[in-house]
C-alpha atoms as a PDB file:
ATOM      1  CA  UNK A   1     153.817  50.391 146.185  1.00  0.00           C
ATOM      2  CA  UNK A   2     156.710  48.917 144.284  1.00  0.00           C
ATOM      3  CA  UNK A   3     156.507  45.273 143.073  1.00  0.00           C
ATOM      4  CA  UNK A   4     153.131  43.456 142.626  1.00  0.00           C
ATOM      5  CA  UNK A   5     152.631  39.768 141.909  1.00  0.00           C
ATOM      6  CA  UNK A   6     149.336  39.001 140.269  1.00  0.00           C
ATOM      7  CA  UNK A   7     147.995  35.483 140.024  1.00  0.00           C
ATOM      8  CA  UNK A   8     145.324  33.930 137.851  1.00  0.00           C
ATOM      9  CA  UNK A   9     144.899  30.526 139.679  1.00  0.00           C
ATOM     10  CA  UNK A  10     143.996  27.328 138.032  1.00  0.00           C
ATOM     11  CA  UNK A  11     144.517  23.584 139.085  1.00  0.00           C
ATOM     12  CA  UNK A  12     146.177  22.757 135.712  1.00  0.00           C
ATOM     13  CA  UNK A  13     147.568  26.192 134.767  1.00  0.00           C
ATOM     14  CA  UNK A  14     148.324  29.092 137.080  1.00  0.00           C
ATOM     15  CA  UNK A  15     149.192  32.397 135.432  1.00  0.00           C
ATOM     16  CA  UNK A  16     151.496  34.893 137.111  1.00  0.00           C
ATOM     17  CA  UNK A  17     152.507  38.394 136.287  1.00  0.00           C
ATOM     18  CA  UNK A  18     154.983  40.677 138.053  1.00  0.00           C
ATOM     19  CA  UNK A  19     154.995  44.489 137.645  1.00  0.00           C
ATOM     20  CA  UNK A  20     156.863  47.266 139.259  1.00  0.00           C
ATOM     21  CA  UNK A  21     154.981  50.527 140.037  1.00  0.00           C
ATOM     22  CA  UNK A  22     156.847  53.792 140.208  1.00  0.00           C
ATOM     23  CA  UNK A  23     154.494  56.758 140.670  1.00  0.00           C
ATOM     24  CA  UNK A  24     152.026  56.469 137.769  1.00  0.00           C
ATOM     25  CA  UNK A  25     154.291  54.259 135.658  1.00  0.00           C
ATOM     26  CA  UNK A  26     153.895  50.421 135.562  1.00  0.00           C
ATOM     27  CA  UNK A  27     156.862  48.415 134.379  1.00  0.00           C
ATOM     28  CA  UNK A  28     156.604  44.821 133.184  1.00  0.00           C
ATOM     29  CA  UNK A  29     159.013  42.511 135.080  1.00  0.00           C
ATOM     30  CA  UNK A  30     157.877  39.052 134.042  1.00  0.00           C
ATOM     31  CA  UNK A  31     155.013  36.720 133.479  1.00  0.00           C
ATOM     32  CA  UNK A  32     154.337  33.172 132.687  1.00  0.00           C
ATOM     33  CA  UNK A  33     152.480  30.007 133.702  1.00  0.00           C
ATOM     34  CA  UNK A  34     153.014  27.311 136.165  1.00  0.00           C
ATOM     35  CA  UNK A  35     151.831  24.113 134.433  1.00  0.00           C
ATOM     36  CA  UNK A  36     151.163  21.217 136.700  1.00  0.00           C
ATOM     37  CA  UNK A  37     152.170  17.807 135.535  1.00  0.00           C
ATOM     38  CA  UNK A  38     150.246  15.303 137.657  1.00  0.00           C
ATOM     39  CA  UNK A  39     146.844  13.810 137.582  1.00  0.00           C
ATOM     40  CA  UNK A  40     146.722  13.780 141.377  1.00  0.00           C
ATOM     41  CA  UNK A  41     145.356  17.083 142.748  1.00  0.00           C
ATOM     42  CA  UNK A  42     147.484  17.053 145.873  1.00  0.00           C
ATOM     43  CA  UNK A  43     150.661  16.949 143.678  1.00  0.00           C
ATOM     44  CA  UNK A  44     149.323  19.816 141.490  1.00  0.00           C
ATOM     45  CA  UNK A  45     148.655  21.926 144.519  1.00  0.00           C
ATOM     46  CA  UNK A  46     152.193  21.273 145.765  1.00  0.00           C
ATOM     47  CA  UNK A  47     153.558  22.319 142.360  1.00  0.00           C
ATOM     48  CA  UNK A  48     151.523  25.614 142.370  1.00  0.00           C
ATOM     49  CA  UNK A  49     152.791  26.317 145.903  1.00  0.00           C
ATOM     50  CA  UNK A  50     156.458  25.547 145.014  1.00  0.00           C
ATOM     51  CA  UNK A  51     156.254  27.460 141.759  1.00  0.00           C
ATOM     52  CA  UNK A  52     154.831  30.624 143.348  1.00  0.00           C
ATOM     53  CA  UNK A  53     157.268  30.302 146.209  1.00  0.00           C
ATOM     54  CA  UNK A  54     160.080  30.349 143.653  1.00  0.00           C
ATOM     55  CA  UNK A  55     158.651  33.375 141.847  1.00  0.00           C
ATOM     56  CA  UNK A  56     158.227  35.156 145.141  1.00  0.00           C
ATOM     57  CA  UNK A  57     161.917  34.456 145.974  1.00  0.00           C
ATOM     58  CA  UNK A  58     163.063  35.595 142.560  1.00  0.00           C
ATOM     59  CA  UNK A  59     161.141  38.812 142.246  1.00  0.00           C
ATOM     60  CA  UNK A  60     160.671  39.752 145.922  1.00  0.00           C
ATOM     61  CA  UNK A  61     157.162  41.341 145.508  1.00  0.00           C
ATOM     62  CA  UNK A  62     155.723  43.632 148.197  1.00  0.00           C
ATOM     63  CA  UNK A  63     152.106  42.997 147.247  1.00  0.00           C
ATOM     64  CA  UNK A  64     150.176  39.876 146.105  1.00  0.00           C
ATOM     65  CA  UNK A  65     146.855  40.015 144.278  1.00  0.00           C
ATOM     66  CA  UNK A  66     144.754  37.035 143.104  1.00  0.00           C
ATOM     67  CA  UNK A  67     141.528  36.519 141.235  1.00  0.00           C
ATOM     68  CA  UNK A  68     138.504  35.574 143.334  1.00  0.00           C
ATOM     69  CA  UNK A  69     136.638  32.345 142.671  1.00  0.00           C
ATOM     70  CA  UNK A  70     133.772  32.477 140.391  1.00  0.00           C
ATOM     71  CA  UNK A  71     130.892  29.964 140.411  1.00  0.00           C
ATOM     72  CA  UNK A  72     131.598  27.606 137.528  1.00  0.00           C
ATOM     73  CA  UNK A  73     128.952  25.358 135.941  1.00  0.00           C
ATOM     74  CA  UNK A  74     130.794  22.381 137.285  1.00  0.00           C
ATOM     75  CA  UNK A  75     130.950  22.183 141.103  1.00  0.00           C
ATOM     76  CA  UNK A  76     134.039  19.884 140.945  1.00  0.00           C
ATOM     77  CA  UNK A  77     135.938  22.480 138.837  1.00  0.00           C
ATOM     78  CA  UNK A  78     134.975  25.351 141.193  1.00  0.00           C
ATOM     79  CA  UNK A  79     136.312  23.210 144.178  1.00  0.00           C
ATOM     80  CA  UNK A  80     139.573  22.504 142.429  1.00  0.00           C
ATOM     81  CA  UNK A  81     139.950  26.225 141.532  1.00  0.00           C
ATOM     82  CA  UNK A  82     139.363  27.071 145.114  1.00  0.00           C
ATOM     83  CA  UNK A  83     142.094  24.685 146.276  1.00  0.00           C
ATOM     84  CA  UNK A  84     144.471  26.094 143.659  1.00  0.00           C
ATOM     85  CA  UNK A  85     143.751  29.624 145.035  1.00  0.00           C
ATOM     86  CA  UNK A  86     144.444  28.297 148.548  1.00  0.00           C
ATOM     87  CA  UNK A  87     147.770  26.914 147.531  1.00  0.00           C
ATOM     88  CA  UNK A  88     148.658  30.304 145.952  1.00  0.00           C
ATOM     89  CA  UNK A  89     147.481  32.289 148.920  1.00  0.00           C
ATOM     90  CA  UNK A  90     149.501  30.023 151.276  1.00  0.00           C
ATOM     91  CA  UNK A  91     152.555  30.675 149.265  1.00  0.00           C
ATOM     92  CA  UNK A  92     152.060  34.419 149.621  1.00  0.00           C
ATOM     93  CA  UNK A  93     151.363  34.236 153.354  1.00  0.00           C
ATOM     94  CA  UNK A  94     154.414  32.183 153.939  1.00  0.00           C
ATOM     95  CA  UNK A  95     156.407  35.120 152.440  1.00  0.00           C
ATOM     96  CA  UNK A  96     154.363  37.583 154.722  1.00  0.00           C
ATOM     97  CA  UNK A  97     152.741  39.236 151.753  1.00  0.00           C
ATOM     98  CA  UNK A  98     149.465  40.996 152.024  1.00  0.00           C
ATOM     99  CA  UNK A  99     146.831  39.385 149.929  1.00  0.00           C
ATOM    100  CA  UNK A 100     144.213  41.288 147.831  1.00  0.00           C
ATOM    101  CA  UNK A 101     141.416  39.634 145.942  1.00  0.00           C
ATOM    102  CA  UNK A 102     139.550  40.916 142.829  1.00  0.00           C
ATOM    103  CA  UNK A 103     136.708  39.613 140.798  1.00  0.00           C
ATOM    104  CA  UNK A 104     137.055  38.836 137.090  1.00  0.00           C
ATOM    105  CA  UNK A 105     134.800  41.826 136.324  1.00  0.00           C
ATOM    106  CA  UNK A 106     136.971  44.210 138.317  1.00  0.00           C
ATOM    107  CA  UNK A 107     140.119  42.904 136.596  1.00  0.00           C
ATOM    108  CA  UNK A 108     138.725  43.205 133.115  1.00  0.00           C
ATOM    109  CA  UNK A 109     137.334  46.682 133.864  1.00  0.00           C
ATOM    110  CA  UNK A 110     140.721  47.828 135.055  1.00  0.00           C
ATOM    111  CA  UNK A 111     142.473  46.574 131.995  1.00  0.00           C
ATOM    112  CA  UNK A 112     140.082  46.837 129.096  1.00  0.00           C
ATOM    113  CA  UNK A 113     137.424  49.200 130.438  1.00  0.00           C
ATOM    114  CA  UNK A 114     134.613  46.728 130.491  1.00  0.00           C
ATOM    115  CA  UNK A 115     133.902  43.738 132.772  1.00  0.00           C
ATOM    116  CA  UNK A 116     132.641  41.694 129.935  1.00  0.00           C
ATOM    117  CA  UNK A 117     135.960  41.725 127.947  1.00  0.00           C
ATOM    118  CA  UNK A 118     137.058  38.547 126.194  1.00  0.00           C
ATOM    119  CA  UNK A 119     140.400  36.896 126.886  1.00  0.00           C
ATOM    120  CA  UNK A 120     141.781  38.161 123.542  1.00  0.00           C
ATOM    121  CA  UNK A 121     140.955  41.648 124.461  1.00  0.00           C
ATOM    122  CA  UNK A 122     142.663  41.427 127.760  1.00  0.00           C
ATOM    123  CA  UNK A 123     145.806  39.899 125.958  1.00  0.00           C
ATOM    124  CA  UNK A 124     145.924  42.696 123.507  1.00  0.00           C
ATOM    125  CA  UNK A 125     145.481  45.518 126.114  1.00  0.00           C
ATOM    126  CA  UNK A 126     148.261  43.919 128.197  1.00  0.00           C
ATOM    127  CA  UNK A 127     150.564  43.810 125.202  1.00  0.00           C
ATOM    128  CA  UNK A 128     149.779  47.487 124.336  1.00  0.00           C
ATOM    129  CA  UNK A 129     150.167  48.768 127.888  1.00  0.00           C
ATOM    130  CA  UNK A 130     153.501  47.143 128.527  1.00  0.00           C
ATOM    131  CA  UNK A 131     154.744  47.406 124.912  1.00  0.00           C
ATOM    132  CA  UNK A 132     155.414  43.697 124.771  1.00  0.00           C
ATOM    133  CA  UNK A 133     156.578  42.325 121.321  1.00  0.00           C
ATOM    134  CA  UNK A 134     153.777  39.744 121.419  1.00  0.00           C
ATOM    135  CA  UNK A 135     150.587  39.014 123.424  1.00  0.00           C
ATOM    136  CA  UNK A 136     151.408  36.958 126.497  1.00  0.00           C
ATOM    137  CA  UNK A 137     149.648  33.651 127.017  1.00  0.00           C
ATOM    138  CA  UNK A 138     146.076  34.115 128.176  1.00  0.00           C
ATOM    139  CA  UNK A 139     146.624  32.992 131.767  1.00  0.00           C
ATOM    140  CA  UNK A 140     149.807  35.236 132.078  1.00  0.00           C
ATOM    141  CA  UNK A 141     147.907  38.131 130.558  1.00  0.00           C
ATOM    142  CA  UNK A 142     145.052  37.582 133.146  1.00  0.00           C
ATOM    143  CA  UNK A 143     147.641  37.570 135.955  1.00  0.00           C
ATOM    144  CA  UNK A 144     149.222  40.811 134.747  1.00  0.00           C
ATOM    145  CA  UNK A 145     145.644  42.208 134.633  1.00  0.00           C
ATOM    146  CA  UNK A 146     145.223  41.163 138.304  1.00  0.00           C
ATOM    147  CA  UNK A 147     148.317  43.072 139.219  1.00  0.00           C
ATOM    148  CA  UNK A 148     147.239  46.132 137.257  1.00  0.00           C
ATOM    149  CA  UNK A 149     143.755  45.992 138.913  1.00  0.00           C
ATOM    150  CA  UNK A 150     145.465  45.978 142.366  1.00  0.00           C
ATOM    151  CA  UNK A 151     147.640  48.955 141.408  1.00  0.00           C
ATOM    152  CA  UNK A 152     144.672  50.961 140.080  1.00  0.00           C
ATOM    153  CA  UNK A 153     142.554  50.136 143.067  1.00  0.00           C
ATOM    154  CA  UNK A 154     145.302  51.124 145.456  1.00  0.00           C
ATOM    155  CA  UNK A 155     145.945  54.395 143.558  1.00  0.00           C
ATOM    156  CA  UNK A 156     142.209  55.197 143.665  1.00  0.00           C
ATOM    157  CA  UNK A 157     142.022  54.709 147.315  1.00  0.00           C
ATOM    158  CA  UNK A 158     145.098  56.876 147.893  1.00  0.00           C
ATOM    159  CA  UNK A 159     143.634  59.561 145.675  1.00  0.00           C
ATOM    160  CA  UNK A 160     140.374  59.569 147.648  1.00  0.00           C
ATOM    161  CA  UNK A 161     142.351  59.843 150.936  1.00  0.00           C
ATOM    162  CA  UNK A 162     141.388  56.302 151.942  1.00  0.00           C
ATOM    163  CA  UNK A 163     143.510  53.601 153.523  1.00  0.00           C
ATOM    164  CA  UNK A 164     144.123  50.253 152.307  1.00  0.00           C
ATOM    165  CA  UNK A 165     142.832  48.572 155.404  1.00  0.00           C
ATOM    166  CA  UNK A 166     139.818  46.564 154.167  1.00  0.00           C
ATOM    167  CA  UNK A 167     139.699  42.756 154.039  1.00  0.00           C
ATOM    168  CA  UNK A 168     140.775  43.065 150.430  1.00  0.00           C
ATOM    169  CA  UNK A 169     144.160  44.479 151.626  1.00  0.00           C
ATOM    170  CA  UNK A 170     144.572  42.603 154.857  1.00  0.00           C
ATOM    171  CA  UNK A 171     146.940  39.778 155.639  1.00  0.00           C
ATOM    172  CA  UNK A 172     145.374  36.422 156.079  1.00  0.00           C
ATOM    173  CA  UNK A 173     146.133  34.984 159.446  1.00  0.00           C
END
């Protein structure tokens, strides 16, 4: 496993984080947020797709991981989040990247050690793990957490002698 793109989807702000894994070492390559600028959902989804397509072109990741949808209190918000995830997944599949999905609890556990961690705790741990001069934006930190979760999950499967062939690691077709 070499370069992983992690994504924290959102219809207004989509975080991304790119790491390179060499053995047991994880190296920070970049992170940031795609901020959509339209009130029209279709335009925002296009901006997410185009933004991630450019990030994929720039960093050439070999793996793509994204946070799973959680059930929000507001059904409309959950639907928009699902659509943003869809735009991100389509960008990955256009680049023939395998797509892995992780719950927020899995991601927080992989980064902080508890699935109930707060956003500030995730930001702090990401800053410490990658020795960054400042904490990344919350959505970018979450996306880096997604990438780390994918790496740790893959490493655990390899250590157990398993194969990364489940739906979590399969390609969407």
